[in-house]
Amino acid sequence: MAGNSEGGAGMDPMHQFEVHPIIELPALAGIDTSFTNSSLWMVLAVGLSGLFMLMASSRTALVPGRLQLMGEMAYGFVANMIKENVGTEGMRFFPFIFSLFMFILFCNMLGMLPYSFTVTSHLIVTFALAAVVFCMVTAVGFIRHGIGFLKLFVPSGIPVVMVPLLVLIEVISYLTRPVSLSVRLFGNMMAGHTMLKIFGGFVVGLSSAGLVPLAIAPFALMVALTGLELLIAGLQAYVFTILTCIYLNEAIHMDH
């Protein structure tokens, strides 16, 4: 089961989300800089995703092997996503978007391992990712269009009297993008892992009480939920990335 913890605390479905230091480091300006379990799994996600792509591209062949095929599929998947939603002009942002997709995907998938930690189940992590996307898209909009980027907040073909109200709505909608983007990923990952832990607790509790036949139903449901959570882990990486592409397309082409 994903994100299990040790000892008696392992029965607490929320214990798996606790951040605790692995290497204590002195605070800087009142900020704790300790290397935590969250830091460890983020480093692992970056390292393993990088290693995966290095191994996939190290021995290229006309007839690709499994790793090369998987690497080419990942590359092609993100490249097609960018071309379909942003256009060929968006390919200059491919390194950023591909790195974002692979990081979220590996964080989500690593979180499914027993005794692991799901980095994307923490709002501060997903909000940081969404904030980077928001700042990049806004910067691209102003660099490309200058002050004209503000036309994004003025819907065309509306009565002048309605402009102030609709501009306010558009600005609020734009500013809430990092919130909605981060909460969607955080909420899905946290809810799924919590449900897995709860049903896993039922299985362990009923089995320990000698009620093994009664544990079959929650065990079967836990297996089904695990498969669903694996699907959601990949889907949420896709959703986060494609929304990034949509926002980027809006900033580049000013579609409104």
C-alpha atoms as a PDB file:
ATOM      1  CA  MET A   1       0.000   0.000   0.000  1.00  0.00           C
ATOM      2  CA  ALA A   2       1.281   3.447  -0.883  1.00  0.00           C
ATOM      3  CA  GLY A   3       2.849   5.635   1.719  1.00  0.00           C
ATOM      4  CA  ASN A   4       2.732   3.181   4.642  1.00  0.00           C
ATOM      5  CA  SER A   5       4.382   4.244   7.869  1.00  0.00           C
ATOM      6  CA  GLU A   6       6.060   2.274  10.570  1.00  0.00           C
ATOM      7  CA  GLY A   7       4.853   0.908  13.859  1.00  0.00           C
ATOM      8  CA  GLY A   8       1.427   1.565  15.369  1.00  0.00           C
ATOM      9  CA  ALA A   9       1.217   4.924  13.634  1.00  0.00           C
ATOM     10  CA  GLY A  10       0.892   2.973  10.387  1.00  0.00           C
ATOM     11  CA  MET A  11      -2.846   2.596  11.113  1.00  0.00           C
ATOM     12  CA  ASP A  12      -3.332   6.371  11.049  1.00  0.00           C
ATOM     13  CA  PRO A  13      -4.307   7.298   7.454  1.00  0.00           C
ATOM     14  CA  MET A  14      -2.886  10.808   7.853  1.00  0.00           C
ATOM     15  CA  HIS A  15       0.461   9.742   9.318  1.00  0.00           C
ATOM     16  CA  GLN A  16       1.777   8.928   5.836  1.00  0.00           C
ATOM     17  CA  PHE A  17       1.688  12.630   4.933  1.00  0.00           C
ATOM     18  CA  GLU A  18       3.866  13.820   7.826  1.00  0.00           C
ATOM     19  CA  VAL A  19       7.099  15.560   6.887  1.00  0.00           C
ATOM     20  CA  HIS A  20      10.010  14.782   9.209  1.00  0.00           C
ATOM     21  CA  PRO A  21      13.710  15.668   8.991  1.00  0.00           C
ATOM     22  CA  ILE A  22      16.266  13.087   7.902  1.00  0.00           C
ATOM     23  CA  ILE A  23      19.316  15.333   8.227  1.00  0.00           C
ATOM     24  CA  GLU A  24      19.055  18.198  10.706  1.00  0.00           C
ATOM     25  CA  LEU A  25      20.490  21.460   9.350  1.00  0.00           C
ATOM     26  CA  PRO A  26      20.684  24.885  11.015  1.00  0.00           C
ATOM     27  CA  ALA A  27      17.879  27.307  10.249  1.00  0.00           C
ATOM     28  CA  LEU A  28      18.516  30.230   7.898  1.00  0.00           C
ATOM     29  CA  ALA A  29      16.626  33.450   8.657  1.00  0.00           C
ATOM     30  CA  GLY A  30      14.184  31.428  10.749  1.00  0.00           C
ATOM     31  CA  ILE A  31      13.552  28.925   7.933  1.00  0.00           C
ATOM     32  CA  ASP A  32      14.155  25.237   8.630  1.00  0.00           C
ATOM     33  CA  THR A  33      16.563  23.958   5.957  1.00  0.00           C
ATOM     34  CA  SER A  34      16.699  20.355   7.164  1.00  0.00           C
ATOM     35  CA  PHE A  35      16.757  17.578   4.561  1.00  0.00           C
ATOM     36  CA  THR A  36      13.375  15.872   4.989  1.00  0.00           C
ATOM     37  CA  ASN A  37      11.646  12.757   3.693  1.00  0.00           C
ATOM     38  CA  SER A  38       9.871  15.039   1.222  1.00  0.00           C
ATOM     39  CA  SER A  39      13.227  16.343  -0.002  1.00  0.00           C
ATOM     40  CA  LEU A  40      14.521  12.799  -0.363  1.00  0.00           C
ATOM     41  CA  TRP A  41      11.662  11.647  -2.571  1.00  0.00           C
ATOM     42  CA  MET A  42      11.863  14.780  -4.706  1.00  0.00           C
ATOM     43  CA  VAL A  43      15.565  14.116  -5.245  1.00  0.00           C
ATOM     44  CA  LEU A  44      14.761  10.499  -6.096  1.00  0.00           C
ATOM     45  CA  ALA A  45      12.086  11.604  -8.574  1.00  0.00           C
ATOM     46  CA  VAL A  46      14.525  13.956 -10.311  1.00  0.00           C
ATOM     47  CA  GLY A  47      17.347  11.407 -10.255  1.00  0.00           C
ATOM     48  CA  LEU A  48      15.285   8.455 -11.477  1.00  0.00           C
ATOM     49  CA  SER A  49      13.540  10.417 -14.222  1.00  0.00           C
ATOM     50  CA  GLY A  50      16.918  11.710 -15.417  1.00  0.00           C
ATOM     51  CA  LEU A  51      18.450   8.237 -15.235  1.00  0.00           C
ATOM     52  CA  PHE A  52      15.502   6.799 -17.133  1.00  0.00           C
ATOM     53  CA  MET A  53      15.945   9.253 -20.013  1.00  0.00           C
ATOM     54  CA  LEU A  54      19.735   8.792 -20.049  1.00  0.00           C
ATOM     55  CA  MET A  55      19.379   5.021 -20.245  1.00  0.00           C
ATOM     56  CA  ALA A  56      16.618   5.309 -22.853  1.00  0.00           C
ATOM     57  CA  SER A  57      18.773   7.492 -25.107  1.00  0.00           C
ATOM     58  CA  SER A  58      22.204   5.972 -24.447  1.00  0.00           C
ATOM     59  CA  ARG A  59      21.917   3.089 -26.899  1.00  0.00           C
ATOM     60  CA  THR A  60      19.593   4.143 -29.666  1.00  0.00           C
ATOM     61  CA  ALA A  61      18.786   1.582 -32.315  1.00  0.00           C
ATOM     62  CA  LEU A  62      16.635   1.393 -35.436  1.00  0.00           C
ATOM     63  CA  VAL A  63      14.565  -1.249 -33.665  1.00  0.00           C
ATOM     64  CA  PRO A  64      14.169   0.245 -30.197  1.00  0.00           C
ATOM     65  CA  GLY A  65      14.411  -1.793 -27.042  1.00  0.00           C
ATOM     66  CA  ARG A  66      11.963  -1.428 -24.166  1.00  0.00           C
ATOM     67  CA  LEU A  67      13.687   1.501 -22.476  1.00  0.00           C
ATOM     68  CA  GLN A  68      14.280   3.354 -25.737  1.00  0.00           C
ATOM     69  CA  LEU A  69      10.671   2.777 -26.760  1.00  0.00           C
ATOM     70  CA  MET A  70       9.371   4.078 -23.428  1.00  0.00           C
ATOM     71  CA  GLY A  71      11.639   7.125 -23.632  1.00  0.00           C
ATOM     72  CA  GLU A  72      10.546   7.870 -27.202  1.00  0.00           C
ATOM     73  CA  MET A  73       6.901   7.459 -26.204  1.00  0.00           C
ATOM     74  CA  ALA A  74       7.302   9.923 -23.326  1.00  0.00           C
ATOM     75  CA  TYR A  75       9.129  12.395 -25.571  1.00  0.00           C
ATOM     76  CA  GLY A  76       6.583  12.061 -28.372  1.00  0.00           C
ATOM     77  CA  PHE A  77       3.638  12.276 -25.976  1.00  0.00           C
ATOM     78  CA  VAL A  78       4.742  15.623 -24.536  1.00  0.00           C
ATOM     79  CA  ALA A  79       5.901  16.966 -27.917  1.00  0.00           C
ATOM     80  CA  ASN A  80       2.516  16.183 -29.482  1.00  0.00           C
ATOM     81  CA  MET A  81       0.745  17.735 -26.505  1.00  0.00           C
ATOM     82  CA  ILE A  82       2.664  20.976 -27.013  1.00  0.00           C
ATOM     83  CA  LYS A  83       2.161  21.059 -30.796  1.00  0.00           C
ATOM     84  CA  GLU A  84      -1.568  20.376 -30.506  1.00  0.00           C
ATOM     85  CA  ASN A  85      -2.204  22.945 -27.769  1.00  0.00           C
ATOM     86  CA  VAL A  86       0.438  25.618 -28.354  1.00  0.00           C
ATOM     87  CA  GLY A  87       1.691  25.042 -31.896  1.00  0.00           C
ATOM     88  CA  THR A  88       5.219  24.551 -33.164  1.00  0.00           C
ATOM     89  CA  GLU A  89       6.189  27.848 -31.544  1.00  0.00           C
ATOM     90  CA  GLY A  90       5.616  26.234 -28.170  1.00  0.00           C
ATOM     91  CA  MET A  91       8.399  23.705 -28.760  1.00  0.00           C
ATOM     92  CA  ARG A  92      10.937  26.203 -27.427  1.00  0.00           C
ATOM     93  CA  PHE A  93       9.341  25.493 -24.029  1.00  0.00           C
ATOM     94  CA  PHE A  94       9.608  21.720 -24.470  1.00  0.00           C
ATOM     95  CA  PRO A  95      12.473  21.230 -21.941  1.00  0.00           C
ATOM     96  CA  PHE A  96      10.478  22.960 -19.196  1.00  0.00           C
ATOM     97  CA  ILE A  97       7.176  21.227 -19.932  1.00  0.00           C
ATOM     98  CA  PHE A  98       8.785  17.803 -20.393  1.00  0.00           C
ATOM     99  CA  SER A  99      10.712  18.169 -17.112  1.00  0.00           C
ATOM    100  CA  LEU A 100       7.509  19.230 -15.352  1.00  0.00           C
ATOM    101  CA  PHE A 101       5.608  16.226 -16.692  1.00  0.00           C
ATOM    102  CA  MET A 102       8.325  13.715 -15.810  1.00  0.00           C
ATOM    103  CA  PHE A 103       8.846  15.157 -12.319  1.00  0.00           C
ATOM    104  CA  ILE A 104       5.144  15.011 -11.430  1.00  0.00           C
ATOM    105  CA  LEU A 105       4.747  11.567 -13.010  1.00  0.00           C
ATOM    106  CA  PHE A 106       7.684  10.089 -11.112  1.00  0.00           C
ATOM    107  CA  CYS A 107       6.620  11.749  -7.831  1.00  0.00           C
ATOM    108  CA  ASN A 108       3.137  10.285  -8.249  1.00  0.00           C
ATOM    109  CA  MET A 109       4.365   6.820  -9.205  1.00  0.00           C
ATOM    110  CA  LEU A 110       7.040   6.652  -6.497  1.00  0.00           C
ATOM    111  CA  GLY A 111       4.324   7.520  -3.989  1.00  0.00           C
ATOM    112  CA  MET A 112       2.623   4.236  -4.854  1.00  0.00           C
ATOM    113  CA  LEU A 113       5.546   2.207  -3.504  1.00  0.00           C
ATOM    114  CA  PRO A 114       5.206   0.679  -0.005  1.00  0.00           C
ATOM    115  CA  TYR A 115       6.770   2.791   2.754  1.00  0.00           C
ATOM    116  CA  SER A 116       7.304   5.676   0.346  1.00  0.00           C
ATOM    117  CA  PHE A 117       6.277   9.322   0.554  1.00  0.00           C
ATOM    118  CA  THR A 118       3.944  11.053  -1.898  1.00  0.00           C
ATOM    119  CA  VAL A 119       5.449  14.476  -2.519  1.00  0.00           C
ATOM    120  CA  THR A 120       2.483  15.671  -4.585  1.00  0.00           C
ATOM    121  CA  SER A 121       0.081  15.025  -1.700  1.00  0.00           C
ATOM    122  CA  HIS A 122       1.400  18.233  -0.097  1.00  0.00           C
ATOM    123  CA  LEU A 123      -0.213  21.484  -1.171  1.00  0.00           C
ATOM    124  CA  ILE A 124       2.969  23.507  -0.660  1.00  0.00           C
ATOM    125  CA  VAL A 125       4.754  21.371  -3.281  1.00  0.00           C
ATOM    126  CA  THR A 126       1.968  21.467  -5.863  1.00  0.00           C
ATOM    127  CA  PHE A 127       1.440  25.199  -5.270  1.00  0.00           C
ATOM    128  CA  ALA A 128       5.159  25.846  -5.807  1.00  0.00           C
ATOM    129  CA  LEU A 129       4.973  24.007  -9.147  1.00  0.00           C
ATOM    130  CA  ALA A 130       1.812  25.902 -10.123  1.00  0.00           C
ATOM    131  CA  ALA A 131       3.386  29.228  -9.082  1.00  0.00           C
ATOM    132  CA  VAL A 132       6.393  28.570 -11.324  1.00  0.00           C
ATOM    133  CA  VAL A 133       4.039  27.832 -14.241  1.00  0.00           C
ATOM    134  CA  PHE A 134       1.983  30.955 -13.491  1.00  0.00           C
ATOM    135  CA  CYS A 135       5.037  33.214 -13.327  1.00  0.00           C
ATOM    136  CA  MET A 136       6.525  31.746 -16.510  1.00  0.00           C
ATOM    137  CA  VAL A 137       3.286  32.094 -18.487  1.00  0.00           C
ATOM    138  CA  THR A 138       2.766  35.676 -17.273  1.00  0.00           C
ATOM    139  CA  ALA A 139       6.361  36.581 -18.126  1.00  0.00           C
ATOM    140  CA  VAL A 140       5.998  35.061 -21.609  1.00  0.00           C
ATOM    141  CA  GLY A 141       2.799  37.064 -22.160  1.00  0.00           C
ATOM    142  CA  PHE A 142       4.392  40.392 -21.237  1.00  0.00           C
ATOM    143  CA  ILE A 143       7.648  39.674 -23.096  1.00  0.00           C
ATOM    144  CA  ARG A 144       5.770  38.779 -26.267  1.00  0.00           C
ATOM    145  CA  HIS A 145       2.971  41.370 -26.178  1.00  0.00           C
ATOM    146  CA  GLY A 146       4.196  44.011 -23.765  1.00  0.00           C
ATOM    147  CA  ILE A 147       1.450  46.027 -22.114  1.00  0.00           C
ATOM    148  CA  GLY A 148      -0.893  44.625 -24.771  1.00  0.00           C
ATOM    149  CA  PHE A 149      -0.998  41.400 -22.758  1.00  0.00           C
ATOM    150  CA  LEU A 150      -3.495  43.161 -20.495  1.00  0.00           C
ATOM    151  CA  LYS A 151      -6.038  42.905 -23.335  1.00  0.00           C
ATOM    152  CA  LEU A 152      -6.378  39.317 -22.176  1.00  0.00           C
ATOM    153  CA  PHE A 153      -8.563  40.605 -19.345  1.00  0.00           C
ATOM    154  CA  VAL A 154     -10.850  42.652 -21.594  1.00  0.00           C
ATOM    155  CA  PRO A 155     -13.377  40.436 -23.402  1.00  0.00           C
ATOM    156  CA  SER A 156     -14.143  41.675 -26.896  1.00  0.00           C
ATOM    157  CA  GLY A 157     -17.607  42.605 -28.160  1.00  0.00           C
ATOM    158  CA  ILE A 158     -19.171  43.524 -24.826  1.00  0.00           C
ATOM    159  CA  PRO A 159     -20.959  46.740 -23.807  1.00  0.00           C
ATOM    160  CA  VAL A 160     -18.638  49.358 -22.307  1.00  0.00           C
ATOM    161  CA  VAL A 161     -20.719  49.512 -19.141  1.00  0.00           C
ATOM    162  CA  MET A 162     -19.964  45.817 -18.493  1.00  0.00           C
ATOM    163  CA  VAL A 163     -16.202  46.148 -18.979  1.00  0.00           C
ATOM    164  CA  PRO A 164     -15.206  46.946 -15.333  1.00  0.00           C
ATOM    165  CA  LEU A 165     -17.161  44.006 -13.936  1.00  0.00           C
ATOM    166  CA  LEU A 166     -15.921  41.503 -16.524  1.00  0.00           C
ATOM    167  CA  VAL A 167     -12.324  42.720 -16.225  1.00  0.00           C
ATOM    168  CA  LEU A 168     -12.514  42.145 -12.468  1.00  0.00           C
ATOM    169  CA  ILE A 169     -13.880  38.636 -13.035  1.00  0.00           C
ATOM    170  CA  GLU A 170     -11.162  37.867 -15.592  1.00  0.00           C
ATOM    171  CA  VAL A 171      -8.391  39.120 -13.303  1.00  0.00           C
ATOM    172  CA  ILE A 172      -9.671  37.074 -10.365  1.00  0.00           C
ATOM    173  CA  SER A 173      -9.986  34.025 -12.623  1.00  0.00           C
ATOM    174  CA  TYR A 174      -6.423  34.502 -13.861  1.00  0.00           C
ATOM    175  CA  LEU A 175      -4.975  34.973 -10.386  1.00  0.00           C
ATOM    176  CA  THR A 176      -6.691  31.833  -9.070  1.00  0.00           C
ATOM    177  CA  ARG A 177      -5.080  29.624 -11.711  1.00  0.00           C
ATOM    178  CA  PRO A 178      -2.155  28.534  -9.512  1.00  0.00           C
ATOM    179  CA  VAL A 179      -4.622  27.723  -6.717  1.00  0.00           C
ATOM    180  CA  SER A 180      -6.890  25.556  -8.880  1.00  0.00           C
ATOM    181  CA  LEU A 181      -3.908  23.939 -10.613  1.00  0.00           C
ATOM    182  CA  SER A 182      -2.239  23.014  -7.330  1.00  0.00           C
ATOM    183  CA  VAL A 183      -5.370  21.962  -5.414  1.00  0.00           C
ATOM    184  CA  ARG A 184      -6.447  19.612  -8.216  1.00  0.00           C
ATOM    185  CA  LEU A 185      -3.199  17.638  -8.061  1.00  0.00           C
ATOM    186  CA  PHE A 186      -2.879  17.774  -4.272  1.00  0.00           C
ATOM    187  CA  GLY A 187      -6.517  16.807  -3.651  1.00  0.00           C
ATOM    188  CA  ASN A 188      -6.509  13.810  -5.972  1.00  0.00           C
ATOM    189  CA  MET A 189      -3.264  12.378  -4.638  1.00  0.00           C
ATOM    190  CA  MET A 190      -4.101  12.938  -0.966  1.00  0.00           C
ATOM    191  CA  ALA A 191      -7.635  11.551  -1.246  1.00  0.00           C
ATOM    192  CA  GLY A 192      -6.525   8.428  -3.099  1.00  0.00           C
ATOM    193  CA  HIS A 193      -3.719   7.586  -0.690  1.00  0.00           C
ATOM    194  CA  THR A 194      -5.967   8.215   2.307  1.00  0.00           C
ATOM    195  CA  MET A 195      -8.564   5.782   0.965  1.00  0.00           C
ATOM    196  CA  LEU A 196      -5.882   3.160   0.335  1.00  0.00           C
ATOM    197  CA  LYS A 197      -4.611   3.523   3.895  1.00  0.00           C
ATOM    198  CA  ILE A 198      -8.108   3.281   5.382  1.00  0.00           C
ATOM    199  CA  PHE A 199      -8.991   0.082   3.529  1.00  0.00           C
ATOM    200  CA  GLY A 200      -5.534  -1.315   4.258  1.00  0.00           C
ATOM    201  CA  GLY A 201      -6.219  -0.663   7.932  1.00  0.00           C
ATOM    202  CA  PHE A 202      -9.487  -2.590   7.652  1.00  0.00           C
ATOM    203  CA  VAL A 203      -7.655  -5.553   6.135  1.00  0.00           C
ATOM    204  CA  VAL A 204      -4.963  -5.574   8.825  1.00  0.00           C
ATOM    205  CA  GLY A 205      -7.449  -5.044  11.654  1.00  0.00           C
ATOM    206  CA  LEU A 206      -9.854  -7.766  10.554  1.00  0.00           C
ATOM    207  CA  SER A 207      -7.015 -10.210   9.853  1.00  0.00           C
ATOM    208  CA  SER A 208      -5.454  -9.563  13.263  1.00  0.00           C
ATOM    209  CA  ALA A 209      -8.821 -10.242  14.899  1.00  0.00           C
ATOM    210  CA  GLY A 210      -9.027 -13.612  13.138  1.00  0.00           C
ATOM    211  CA  LEU A 211     -11.822 -12.435  10.825  1.00  0.00           C
ATOM    212  CA  VAL A 212      -9.992 -13.239   7.612  1.00  0.00           C
ATOM    213  CA  PRO A 213     -13.157 -13.954   5.543  1.00  0.00           C
ATOM    214  CA  LEU A 214     -14.449 -10.478   6.381  1.00  0.00           C
ATOM    215  CA  ALA A 215     -11.132  -8.975   5.254  1.00  0.00           C
ATOM    216  CA  ILE A 216     -11.563 -10.283   1.701  1.00  0.00           C
ATOM    217  CA  ALA A 217     -13.975  -7.538   0.635  1.00  0.00           C
ATOM    218  CA  PRO A 218     -11.835  -4.569   1.771  1.00  0.00           C
ATOM    219  CA  PHE A 219      -8.743  -6.293   0.354  1.00  0.00           C
ATOM    220  CA  ALA A 220     -10.394  -6.681  -3.061  1.00  0.00           C
ATOM    221  CA  LEU A 221     -11.506  -3.060  -2.936  1.00  0.00           C
ATOM    222  CA  MET A 222      -7.987  -1.981  -1.968  1.00  0.00           C
ATOM    223  CA  VAL A 223      -6.546  -3.834  -4.983  1.00  0.00           C
ATOM    224  CA  ALA A 224      -9.082  -2.121  -7.254  1.00  0.00           C
ATOM    225  CA  LEU A 225      -8.304   1.264  -5.687  1.00  0.00           C
ATOM    226  CA  THR A 226      -4.576   0.668  -6.185  1.00  0.00           C
ATOM    227  CA  GLY A 227      -5.137   0.141  -9.902  1.00  0.00           C
ATOM    228  CA  LEU A 228      -7.323   3.245 -10.032  1.00  0.00           C
ATOM    229  CA  GLU A 229      -4.743   5.276  -8.125  1.00  0.00           C
ATOM    230  CA  LEU A 230      -2.025   4.225 -10.587  1.00  0.00           C
ATOM    231  CA  LEU A 231      -4.245   5.483 -13.400  1.00  0.00           C
ATOM    232  CA  ILE A 232      -4.914   8.743 -11.528  1.00  0.00           C
ATOM    233  CA  ALA A 233      -1.176   9.198 -10.873  1.00  0.00           C
ATOM    234  CA  GLY A 234      -0.505   9.254 -14.604  1.00  0.00           C
ATOM    235  CA  LEU A 235      -3.663  11.198 -15.423  1.00  0.00           C
ATOM    236  CA  GLN A 236      -2.885  13.989 -12.962  1.00  0.00           C
ATOM    237  CA  ALA A 237       0.584  14.459 -14.438  1.00  0.00           C
ATOM    238  CA  TYR A 238      -1.087  14.755 -17.839  1.00  0.00           C
ATOM    239  CA  VAL A 239      -3.765  17.191 -16.610  1.00  0.00           C
ATOM    240  CA  PHE A 240      -1.223  19.454 -14.911  1.00  0.00           C
ATOM    241  CA  THR A 241       0.935  19.501 -18.046  1.00  0.00           C
ATOM    242  CA  ILE A 242      -1.837  20.049 -20.576  1.00  0.00           C
ATOM    243  CA  LEU A 243      -3.253  22.937 -18.536  1.00  0.00           C
ATOM    244  CA  THR A 244       0.242  24.432 -18.569  1.00  0.00           C
ATOM    245  CA  CYS A 245       0.197  24.139 -22.372  1.00  0.00           C
ATOM    246  CA  ILE A 246      -3.244  25.761 -22.574  1.00  0.00           C
ATOM    247  CA  TYR A 247      -2.151  28.684 -20.397  1.00  0.00           C
ATOM    248  CA  LEU A 248       1.017  29.058 -22.456  1.00  0.00           C
ATOM    249  CA  ASN A 249      -0.972  29.058 -25.699  1.00  0.00           C
ATOM    250  CA  GLU A 250      -3.157  31.825 -24.317  1.00  0.00           C
ATOM    251  CA  ALA A 251      -0.103  33.888 -23.411  1.00  0.00           C
ATOM    252  CA  ILE A 252       1.539  33.395 -26.816  1.00  0.00           C
ATOM    253  CA  HIS A 253      -1.450  33.700 -29.128  1.00  0.00           C
ATOM    254  CA  MET A 254      -3.740  35.842 -26.951  1.00  0.00           C
ATOM    255  CA  ASP A 255      -6.733  33.641 -27.809  1.00  0.00           C
ATOM    256  CA  HIS A 256      -9.762  34.916 -25.976  1.00  0.00           C
END
